[in-house]
Amino acid sequence: MARQVFGEAHIEQKRSERLNPAEPAQPAEEPQPPPAEPAEPMQVVEPIESESHERTEAKVFTALFKLGFAKHEIRRTLAELRRRPIEAGIEPLLRASLLALAPS
């Protein structure tokens, strides 16, 4: 990671400074920023209505209830989230629920 951020020349300069503290190190070349990676296009996720989604929702409901949220708050939040495009799975639904229930 440091090689990507600071560059090879900077790392070599610091190594030589550490190994030979009495010798002044030669200035390193300007570090070049790492090449930008192409951004991945965002996926459009359609709302899910299926039996497996119902099981996922039930698991999220239980997890939120065990975290101390009231049943009526959880029901309201899950109803709101059904209308939003959320990625399938427990973790994305739980994250979205927590963000809706406890905004920072």
Protein backbone atom coordinates (compact mmCIF):
# COMPACT_ATOMS: atom_id res chain seq x y z
CA MET A 1 0.00 0.00 0.00
CA ALA A 2 2.80 2.42 0.88
CA ARG A 3 4.42 1.77 -2.49
CA GLN A 4 1.22 2.84 -4.22
CA VAL A 5 0.78 5.96 -2.11
CA PHE A 6 4.35 7.25 -1.78
CA GLY A 7 6.16 5.58 -4.67
CA GLU A 8 9.24 3.40 -4.86
CA ALA A 9 11.73 6.32 -4.83
CA HIS A 10 10.36 7.74 -1.57
CA ILE A 11 10.49 4.35 0.13
CA GLU A 12 14.09 3.80 -0.94
CA GLN A 13 15.03 7.28 0.33
CA LYS A 14 13.50 6.58 3.74
CA ARG A 15 15.21 3.21 3.95
CA SER A 16 18.60 4.77 3.23
CA GLU A 17 17.95 7.52 5.81
CA ARG A 18 17.11 4.92 8.42
CA LEU A 19 20.11 2.69 7.64
CA ASN A 20 22.63 5.56 7.34
CA PRO A 21 21.41 8.43 9.54
CA ALA A 22 24.72 10.36 9.25
CA GLU A 23 24.61 10.55 5.44
CA PRO A 24 22.21 13.06 3.93
CA ALA A 25 19.84 11.33 1.58
CA GLN A 26 19.37 12.44 -2.00
CA PRO A 27 15.97 13.99 -2.65
CA ALA A 28 13.58 11.56 -4.23
CA GLU A 29 11.71 12.16 -7.43
CA GLU A 30 8.22 13.53 -7.15
CA PRO A 31 5.88 10.65 -6.33
CA GLN A 32 3.50 9.82 -9.12
CA PRO A 33 -0.10 9.16 -8.12
CA PRO A 34 -1.27 5.64 -8.82
CA PRO A 35 -3.23 5.26 -12.03
CA ALA A 36 -6.92 5.71 -11.50
CA GLU A 37 -8.95 2.55 -11.78
CA PRO A 38 -12.06 2.79 -13.92
CA ALA A 39 -15.18 3.11 -11.82
CA GLU A 40 -17.61 0.25 -12.04
CA PRO A 41 -21.06 1.24 -13.27
CA MET A 42 -23.72 1.17 -10.59
CA GLN A 43 -26.11 -1.73 -10.73
CA VAL A 44 -29.80 -1.05 -10.80
CA VAL A 45 -31.43 -3.34 -8.28
CA GLU A 46 -35.13 -3.97 -8.55
CA PRO A 47 -37.33 -4.34 -5.47
CA ILE A 48 -37.60 -7.98 -4.48
CA GLU A 49 -40.83 -9.77 -3.73
CA SER A 50 -40.28 -13.48 -3.15
CA GLU A 51 -40.46 -16.18 -0.52
CA SER A 52 -36.73 -15.99 0.13
CA HIS A 53 -37.03 -12.23 0.59
CA GLU A 54 -39.73 -12.83 3.18
CA ARG A 55 -37.38 -15.13 5.11
CA THR A 56 -34.62 -12.53 4.84
CA GLU A 57 -36.99 -9.87 6.10
CA ALA A 58 -37.99 -12.08 9.03
CA LYS A 59 -34.34 -12.59 9.99
CA VAL A 60 -33.68 -8.85 9.77
CA PHE A 61 -36.80 -8.17 11.85
CA THR A 62 -35.53 -10.56 14.55
CA ALA A 63 -32.04 -9.03 14.51
CA LEU A 64 -33.40 -5.49 14.84
CA PHE A 65 -35.77 -6.54 17.63
CA LYS A 66 -32.87 -8.13 19.53
CA LEU A 67 -30.95 -4.86 19.11
CA GLY A 68 -33.75 -3.13 21.01
CA PHE A 69 -35.85 -1.51 18.31
CA ALA A 70 -39.63 -1.48 18.79
CA LYS A 71 -41.73 -3.82 16.64
CA HIS A 72 -43.81 -1.00 15.18
CA GLU A 73 -40.66 0.92 14.18
CA ILE A 74 -39.21 -2.17 12.51
CA ARG A 75 -42.44 -2.90 10.61
CA ARG A 76 -42.66 0.70 9.41
CA THR A 77 -39.04 0.73 8.29
CA LEU A 78 -39.24 -2.59 6.46
CA ALA A 79 -42.43 -1.44 4.71
CA GLU A 80 -40.60 1.72 3.54
CA LEU A 81 -37.60 -0.29 2.40
CA ARG A 82 -39.78 -2.65 0.32
CA ARG A 83 -40.45 0.29 -1.99
CA ARG A 84 -36.72 1.04 -2.43
CA PRO A 85 -34.29 -0.81 -4.67
CA ILE A 86 -32.08 -2.69 -2.23
CA GLU A 87 -29.63 -5.44 -3.06
CA ALA A 88 -30.82 -8.93 -2.16
CA GLY A 89 -29.52 -10.45 1.05
CA ILE A 90 -29.62 -10.09 4.79
CA GLU A 91 -26.66 -7.74 5.15
CA PRO A 92 -27.80 -5.05 2.67
CA LEU A 93 -31.32 -5.07 4.13
CA LEU A 94 -30.00 -4.93 7.70
CA ARG A 95 -27.66 -2.05 6.83
CA ALA A 96 -30.45 -0.10 5.13
CA SER A 97 -32.76 -0.77 8.09
CA LEU A 98 -30.19 0.42 10.60
CA LEU A 99 -29.55 3.57 8.59
CA ALA A 100 -33.29 4.28 8.50
CA LEU A 101 -33.85 3.50 12.18
CA ALA A 102 -30.77 5.19 13.60
CA PRO A 103 -29.58 7.96 11.26
CA SER A 104 -26.25 9.44 12.25
